Structure formats: structure tokens, C-alpha cells
Amino acid sequence: QALDAGPRLDKVHFDQLLRSVFIRQL
């Protein structure tokens, strides 16, 4: 009932993921 977000995702990993998304789309 009080579910939290859990472990956080740091910006470095998030930026890596975004780069891969845009490369794949290109």
C-alpha cells in the first residue's frame, strides 16, 4: 500500500540508455 520507487537510476546510466535509443532510431 505504500510502494516506493525502489533503487534509483543514476543519470550516467540514463544518458547511456538515451544515446542507445537515438542511435537505434537513426
PDB file of all heavy atoms in Angstrom:
ATOM      1  N   GLN A   1       0.815  -1.211   0.000  1.00  0.00           N
ATOM      2  CA  GLN A   1       0.000   0.000   0.000  1.00  0.00           C
ATOM      3  C   GLN A   1       0.854   1.269   0.000  1.00  0.00           C
ATOM      4  O   GLN A   1       0.384   2.339  -0.383  1.00  0.00           O
ATOM      5  CB  GLN A   1      -0.946   0.015   1.212  1.00  0.00           C
ATOM      6  CG  GLN A   1      -2.102  -0.956   1.110  1.00  0.00           C
ATOM      7  CD  GLN A   1      -1.720  -2.390   1.450  1.00  0.00           C
ATOM      8  OE1 GLN A   1      -0.584  -2.671   1.816  1.00  0.00           O
ATOM      9  NE2 GLN A   1      -2.667  -3.304   1.335  1.00  0.00           N
ATOM     10  N   ALA A   2       2.096   1.165   0.419  1.00  0.00           N
ATOM     11  CA  ALA A   2       2.999   2.325   0.420  1.00  0.00           C
ATOM     12  C   ALA A   2       4.216   2.007  -0.445  1.00  0.00           C
ATOM     13  O   ALA A   2       5.356   2.206  -0.040  1.00  0.00           O
ATOM     14  CB  ALA A   2       3.413   2.680   1.843  1.00  0.00           C
ATOM     15  N   LEU A   3       3.965   1.502  -1.633  1.00  0.00           N
ATOM     16  CA  LEU A   3       5.041   1.111  -2.544  1.00  0.00           C
ATOM     17  C   LEU A   3       5.921   2.309  -2.872  1.00  0.00           C
ATOM     18  O   LEU A   3       5.426   3.362  -3.289  1.00  0.00           O
ATOM     19  CB  LEU A   3       4.452   0.544  -3.838  1.00  0.00           C
ATOM     20  CG  LEU A   3       5.460   0.065  -4.888  1.00  0.00           C
ATOM     21  CD1 LEU A   3       6.195  -1.161  -4.390  1.00  0.00           C
ATOM     22  CD2 LEU A   3       4.734  -0.244  -6.196  1.00  0.00           C
ATOM     23  N   ASP A   4       7.230   2.150  -2.677  1.00  0.00           N
ATOM     24  CA  ASP A   4       8.133   3.247  -3.030  1.00  0.00           C
ATOM     25  C   ASP A   4       8.788   2.958  -4.377  1.00  0.00           C
ATOM     26  O   ASP A   4       8.546   1.932  -5.005  1.00  0.00           O
ATOM     27  CB  ASP A   4       9.179   3.486  -1.935  1.00  0.00           C
ATOM     28  CG  ASP A   4      10.089   2.282  -1.719  1.00  0.00           C
ATOM     29  OD1 ASP A   4      10.245   1.468  -2.655  1.00  0.00           O
ATOM     30  OD2 ASP A   4      10.657   2.174  -0.628  1.00  0.00           O
ATOM     31  N   ALA A   5       9.621   3.880  -4.804  1.00  0.00           N
ATOM     32  CA  ALA A   5      10.215   3.787  -6.139  1.00  0.00           C
ATOM     33  C   ALA A   5      11.323   2.759  -6.220  1.00  0.00           C
ATOM     34  O   ALA A   5      11.717   2.352  -7.313  1.00  0.00           O
ATOM     35  CB  ALA A   5      10.751   5.152  -6.562  1.00  0.00           C
ATOM     36  N   GLY A   6      11.851   2.359  -5.082  1.00  0.00           N
ATOM     37  CA  GLY A   6      12.926   1.389  -5.102  1.00  0.00           C
ATOM     38  C   GLY A   6      14.261   2.024  -5.426  1.00  0.00           C
ATOM     39  O   GLY A   6      14.417   3.247  -5.407  1.00  0.00           O
ATOM     40  N   PRO A   7      15.265   1.202  -5.733  1.00  0.00           N
ATOM     41  CA  PRO A   7      16.601   1.716  -6.056  1.00  0.00           C
ATOM     42  C   PRO A   7      16.550   2.711  -7.205  1.00  0.00           C
ATOM     43  O   PRO A   7      15.790   2.544  -8.156  1.00  0.00           O
ATOM     44  CB  PRO A   7      17.373   0.448  -6.451  1.00  0.00           C
ATOM     45  CG  PRO A   7      16.641  -0.665  -5.771  1.00  0.00           C
ATOM     46  CD  PRO A   7      15.197  -0.265  -5.790  1.00  0.00           C
ATOM     47  N   ARG A   8      17.373   3.744  -7.130  1.00  0.00           N
ATOM     48  CA  ARG A   8      17.346   4.817  -8.106  1.00  0.00           C
ATOM     49  C   ARG A   8      18.206   4.495  -9.329  1.00  0.00           C
ATOM     50  O   ARG A   8      19.105   3.657  -9.265  1.00  0.00           O
ATOM     51  CB  ARG A   8      17.824   6.120  -7.472  1.00  0.00           C
ATOM     52  CG  ARG A   8      16.917   6.592  -6.340  1.00  0.00           C
ATOM     53  CD  ARG A   8      17.525   7.767  -5.595  1.00  0.00           C
ATOM     54  NE  ARG A   8      17.579   8.967  -6.418  1.00  0.00           N
ATOM     55  CZ  ARG A   8      16.562   9.792  -6.603  1.00  0.00           C
ATOM     56  NH1 ARG A   8      15.390   9.546  -6.044  1.00  0.00           N
ATOM     57  NH2 ARG A   8      16.685  10.876  -7.344  1.00  0.00           N
ATOM     58  N   LEU A   9      17.906   5.168 -10.419  1.00  0.00           N
ATOM     59  CA  LEU A   9      18.693   5.058 -11.651  1.00  0.00           C
ATOM     60  C   LEU A   9      19.506   6.338 -11.804  1.00  0.00           C
ATOM     61  O   LEU A   9      18.933   7.427 -11.889  1.00  0.00           O
ATOM     62  CB  LEU A   9      17.770   4.881 -12.863  1.00  0.00           C
ATOM     63  CG  LEU A   9      18.472   4.829 -14.226  1.00  0.00           C
ATOM     64  CD1 LEU A   9      19.299   3.550 -14.351  1.00  0.00           C
ATOM     65  CD2 LEU A   9      17.447   4.916 -15.360  1.00  0.00           C
ATOM     66  N   ASP A  10      20.828   6.208 -11.821  1.00  0.00           N
ATOM     67  CA  ASP A  10      21.654   7.406 -11.904  1.00  0.00           C
ATOM     68  C   ASP A  10      21.643   7.981 -13.314  1.00  0.00           C
ATOM     69  O   ASP A  10      21.318   7.298 -14.292  1.00  0.00           O
ATOM     70  CB  ASP A  10      23.086   7.115 -11.455  1.00  0.00           C
ATOM     71  CG  ASP A  10      23.765   6.089 -12.348  1.00  0.00           C
ATOM     72  OD1 ASP A  10      24.190   6.463 -13.453  1.00  0.00           O
ATOM     73  OD2 ASP A  10      23.852   4.921 -11.942  1.00  0.00           O
ATOM     74  N   LYS A  11      22.040   9.236 -13.412  1.00  0.00           N
ATOM     75  CA  LYS A  11      21.980   9.954 -14.684  1.00  0.00           C
ATOM     76  C   LYS A  11      22.928   9.360 -15.719  1.00  0.00           C
ATOM     77  O   LYS A  11      22.640   9.388 -16.914  1.00  0.00           O
ATOM     78  CB  LYS A  11      22.291  11.432 -14.463  1.00  0.00           C
ATOM     79  CG  LYS A  11      21.945  12.316 -15.668  1.00  0.00           C
ATOM     80  CD  LYS A  11      22.132  13.780 -15.354  1.00  0.00           C
ATOM     81  CE  LYS A  11      21.623  14.654 -16.496  1.00  0.00           C
ATOM     82  NZ  LYS A  11      22.179  14.317 -17.792  1.00  0.00           N
ATOM     83  N   VAL A  12      24.055   8.809 -15.277  1.00  0.00           N
ATOM     84  CA  VAL A  12      25.008   8.215 -16.223  1.00  0.00           C
ATOM     85  C   VAL A  12      24.360   7.063 -16.988  1.00  0.00           C
ATOM     86  O   VAL A  12      24.433   6.989 -18.221  1.00  0.00           O
ATOM     87  CB  VAL A  12      26.275   7.726 -15.484  1.00  0.00           C
ATOM     88  CG1 VAL A  12      27.173   6.921 -16.434  1.00  0.00           C
ATOM     89  CG2 VAL A  12      27.040   8.907 -14.908  1.00  0.00           C
ATOM     90  N   HIS A  13      23.715   6.163 -16.274  1.00  0.00           N
ATOM     91  CA  HIS A  13      23.040   5.036 -16.928  1.00  0.00           C
ATOM     92  C   HIS A  13      21.897   5.520 -17.814  1.00  0.00           C
ATOM     93  O   HIS A  13      21.668   4.983 -18.895  1.00  0.00           O
ATOM     94  CB  HIS A  13      22.519   4.043 -15.883  1.00  0.00           C
ATOM     95  CG  HIS A  13      23.555   3.094 -15.380  1.00  0.00           C
ATOM     96  ND1 HIS A  13      24.309   3.342 -14.256  1.00  0.00           N
ATOM     97  CD2 HIS A  13      23.986   1.899 -15.863  1.00  0.00           C
ATOM     98  CE1 HIS A  13      25.145   2.336 -14.056  1.00  0.00           C
ATOM     99  NE2 HIS A  13      24.969   1.451 -15.004  1.00  0.00           N
ATOM    100  N   PHE A  14      21.170   6.519 -17.330  1.00  0.00           N
ATOM    101  CA  PHE A  14      20.045   7.033 -18.106  1.00  0.00           C
ATOM    102  C   PHE A  14      20.529   7.661 -19.408  1.00  0.00           C
ATOM    103  O   PHE A  14      19.953   7.434 -20.478  1.00  0.00           O
ATOM    104  CB  PHE A  14      19.273   8.058 -17.270  1.00  0.00           C
ATOM    105  CG  PHE A  14      17.957   8.474 -17.880  1.00  0.00           C
ATOM    106  CD1 PHE A  14      16.972   7.540 -18.151  1.00  0.00           C
ATOM    107  CD2 PHE A  14      17.696   9.803 -18.147  1.00  0.00           C
ATOM    108  CE1 PHE A  14      15.753   7.915 -18.699  1.00  0.00           C
ATOM    109  CE2 PHE A  14      16.476  10.194 -18.691  1.00  0.00           C
ATOM    110  CZ  PHE A  14      15.505   9.249 -18.969  1.00  0.00           C
ATOM    111  N   ASP A  15      21.611   8.423 -19.349  1.00  0.00           N
ATOM    112  CA  ASP A  15      22.156   9.045 -20.553  1.00  0.00           C
ATOM    113  C   ASP A  15      22.665   7.989 -21.530  1.00  0.00           C
ATOM    114  O   ASP A  15      22.520   8.137 -22.746  1.00  0.00           O
ATOM    115  CB  ASP A  15      23.285  10.014 -20.180  1.00  0.00           C
ATOM    116  CG  ASP A  15      22.773  11.289 -19.524  1.00  0.00           C
ATOM    117  OD1 ASP A  15      21.548  11.533 -19.599  1.00  0.00           O
ATOM    118  OD2 ASP A  15      23.583  12.024 -18.932  1.00  0.00           O
ATOM    119  N   GLN A  16      23.277   6.919 -21.013  1.00  0.00           N
ATOM    120  CA  GLN A  16      23.727   5.831 -21.872  1.00  0.00           C
ATOM    121  C   GLN A  16      22.539   5.202 -22.604  1.00  0.00           C
ATOM    122  O   GLN A  16      22.610   4.906 -23.805  1.00  0.00           O
ATOM    123  CB  GLN A  16      24.455   4.759 -21.046  1.00  0.00           C
ATOM    124  CG  GLN A  16      25.811   5.187 -20.533  1.00  0.00           C
ATOM    125  CD  GLN A  16      26.426   4.145 -19.623  1.00  0.00           C
ATOM    126  OE1 GLN A  16      25.767   3.181 -19.225  1.00  0.00           O
ATOM    127  NE2 GLN A  16      27.684   4.338 -19.266  1.00  0.00           N
ATOM    128  N   LEU A  17      21.473   5.008 -21.875  1.00  0.00           N
ATOM    129  CA  LEU A  17      20.283   4.423 -22.484  1.00  0.00           C
ATOM    130  C   LEU A  17      19.714   5.337 -23.562  1.00  0.00           C
ATOM    131  O   LEU A  17      19.344   4.879 -24.642  1.00  0.00           O
ATOM    132  CB  LEU A  17      19.240   4.145 -21.401  1.00  0.00           C
ATOM    133  CG  LEU A  17      17.936   3.506 -21.887  1.00  0.00           C
ATOM    134  CD1 LEU A  17      17.475   2.450 -20.893  1.00  0.00           C
ATOM    135  CD2 LEU A  17      16.844   4.562 -22.054  1.00  0.00           C
ATOM    136  N   LEU A  18      19.639   6.639 -23.284  1.00  0.00           N
ATOM    137  CA  LEU A  18      19.104   7.577 -24.263  1.00  0.00           C
ATOM    138  C   LEU A  18      19.945   7.584 -25.535  1.00  0.00           C
ATOM    139  O   LEU A  18      19.406   7.618 -26.644  1.00  0.00           O
ATOM    140  CB  LEU A  18      19.042   8.986 -23.667  1.00  0.00           C
ATOM    141  CG  LEU A  18      17.994   9.205 -22.573  1.00  0.00           C
ATOM    142  CD1 LEU A  18      18.097  10.619 -22.026  1.00  0.00           C
ATOM    143  CD2 LEU A  18      16.592   8.942 -23.092  1.00  0.00           C
ATOM    144  N   ARG A  19      21.264   7.543 -25.382  1.00  0.00           N
ATOM    145  CA  ARG A  19      22.125   7.508 -26.564  1.00  0.00           C
ATOM    146  C   ARG A  19      21.837   6.284 -27.412  1.00  0.00           C
ATOM    147  O   ARG A  19      21.763   6.353 -28.643  1.00  0.00           O
ATOM    148  CB  ARG A  19      23.603   7.533 -26.148  1.00  0.00           C
ATOM    149  CG  ARG A  19      24.114   8.915 -25.786  1.00  0.00           C
ATOM    150  CD  ARG A  19      25.634   8.942 -25.736  1.00  0.00           C
ATOM    151  NE  ARG A  19      26.159   8.126 -24.656  1.00  0.00           N
ATOM    152  CZ  ARG A  19      26.354   8.575 -23.427  1.00  0.00           C
ATOM    153  NH1 ARG A  19      26.048   9.824 -23.116  1.00  0.00           N
ATOM    154  NH2 ARG A  19      26.852   7.781 -22.499  1.00  0.00           N
ATOM    155  N   SER A  20      21.665   5.131 -26.762  1.00  0.00           N
ATOM    156  CA  SER A  20      21.386   3.904 -27.500  1.00  0.00           C
ATOM    157  C   SER A  20      20.040   3.984 -28.217  1.00  0.00           C
ATOM    158  O   SER A  20      19.886   3.486 -29.334  1.00  0.00           O
ATOM    159  CB  SER A  20      21.411   2.697 -26.554  1.00  0.00           C
ATOM    160  OG  SER A  20      20.291   2.687 -25.695  1.00  0.00           O
ATOM    161  N   VAL A  21      19.059   4.626 -27.577  1.00  0.00           N
ATOM    162  CA  VAL A  21      17.734   4.779 -28.193  1.00  0.00           C
ATOM    163  C   VAL A  21      17.830   5.621 -29.459  1.00  0.00           C
ATOM    164  O   VAL A  21      17.286   5.261 -30.514  1.00  0.00           O
ATOM    165  CB  VAL A  21      16.741   5.416 -27.200  1.00  0.00           C
ATOM    166  CG1 VAL A  21      15.466   5.868 -27.920  1.00  0.00           C
ATOM    167  CG2 VAL A  21      16.383   4.430 -26.096  1.00  0.00           C
ATOM    168  N   PHE A  22      18.536   6.734 -29.382  1.00  0.00           N
ATOM    169  CA  PHE A  22      18.634   7.615 -30.548  1.00  0.00           C
ATOM    170  C   PHE A  22      19.487   6.998 -31.652  1.00  0.00           C
ATOM    171  O   PHE A  22      19.195   7.173 -32.829  1.00  0.00           O
ATOM    172  CB  PHE A  22      19.193   8.977 -30.130  1.00  0.00           C
ATOM    173  CG  PHE A  22      18.214   9.802 -29.341  1.00  0.00           C
ATOM    174  CD1 PHE A  22      18.527  10.259 -28.077  1.00  0.00           C
ATOM    175  CD2 PHE A  22      16.963  10.108 -29.866  1.00  0.00           C
ATOM    176  CE1 PHE A  22      17.616  11.009 -27.342  1.00  0.00           C
ATOM    177  CE2 PHE A  22      16.044  10.857 -29.144  1.00  0.00           C
ATOM    178  CZ  PHE A  22      16.373  11.314 -27.879  1.00  0.00           C
ATOM    179  N   ILE A  23      20.528   6.263 -31.279  1.00  0.00           N
ATOM    180  CA  ILE A  23      21.346   5.578 -32.287  1.00  0.00           C
ATOM    181  C   ILE A  23      20.511   4.534 -33.010  1.00  0.00           C
ATOM    182  O   ILE A  23      20.557   4.411 -34.245  1.00  0.00           O
ATOM    183  CB  ILE A  23      22.586   4.931 -31.631  1.00  0.00           C
ATOM    184  CG1 ILE A  23      23.572   6.015 -31.182  1.00  0.00           C
ATOM    185  CG2 ILE A  23      23.265   3.962 -32.605  1.00  0.00           C
ATOM    186  CD1 ILE A  23      24.719   5.483 -30.351  1.00  0.00           C
ATOM    187  N   ARG A  24      19.730   3.782 -32.253  1.00  0.00           N
ATOM    188  CA  ARG A  24      18.866   2.762 -32.856  1.00  0.00           C
ATOM    189  C   ARG A  24      17.850   3.393 -33.797  1.00  0.00           C
ATOM    190  O   ARG A  24      17.596   2.890 -34.899  1.00  0.00           O
ATOM    191  CB  ARG A  24      18.150   1.970 -31.759  1.00  0.00           C
ATOM    192  CG  ARG A  24      17.269   0.837 -32.272  1.00  0.00           C
ATOM    193  CD  ARG A  24      16.553   0.146 -31.107  1.00  0.00           C
ATOM    194  NE  ARG A  24      17.489  -0.375 -30.140  1.00  0.00           N
ATOM    195  CZ  ARG A  24      17.115  -0.854 -28.943  1.00  0.00           C
ATOM    196  NH1 ARG A  24      15.835  -0.820 -28.603  1.00  0.00           N
ATOM    197  NH2 ARG A  24      18.008  -1.331 -28.102  1.00  0.00           N
ATOM    198  N   GLN A  25      17.273   4.518 -33.387  1.00  0.00           N
ATOM    199  CA  GLN A  25      16.292   5.196 -34.232  1.00  0.00           C
ATOM    200  C   GLN A  25      16.949   5.730 -35.502  1.00  0.00           C
ATOM    201  O   GLN A  25      16.367   5.639 -36.596  1.00  0.00           O
ATOM    202  CB  GLN A  25      15.653   6.355 -33.466  1.00  0.00           C
ATOM    203  CG  GLN A  25      14.506   7.033 -34.208  1.00  0.00           C
ATOM    204  CD  GLN A  25      13.351   6.084 -34.474  1.00  0.00           C
ATOM    205  OE1 GLN A  25      12.904   5.376 -33.578  1.00  0.00           O
ATOM    206  NE2 GLN A  25      12.858   6.052 -35.706  1.00  0.00           N
ATOM    207  N   LEU A  26      18.154   6.263 -35.387  1.00  0.00           N
ATOM    208  CA  LEU A  26      18.883   6.755 -36.558  1.00  0.00           C
ATOM    209  C   LEU A  26      19.163   5.618 -37.530  1.00  0.00           C
ATOM    210  O   LEU A  26      19.012   5.766 -38.753  1.00  0.00           O
ATOM    211  CB  LEU A  26      20.187   7.415 -36.114  1.00  0.00           C
ATOM    212  CG  LEU A  26      21.082   7.964 -37.238  1.00  0.00           C
ATOM    213  CD1 LEU A  26      20.355   9.047 -38.026  1.00  0.00           C
ATOM    214  CD2 LEU A  26      22.379   8.514 -36.652  1.00  0.00           C
TER     215      LEU A  26
END
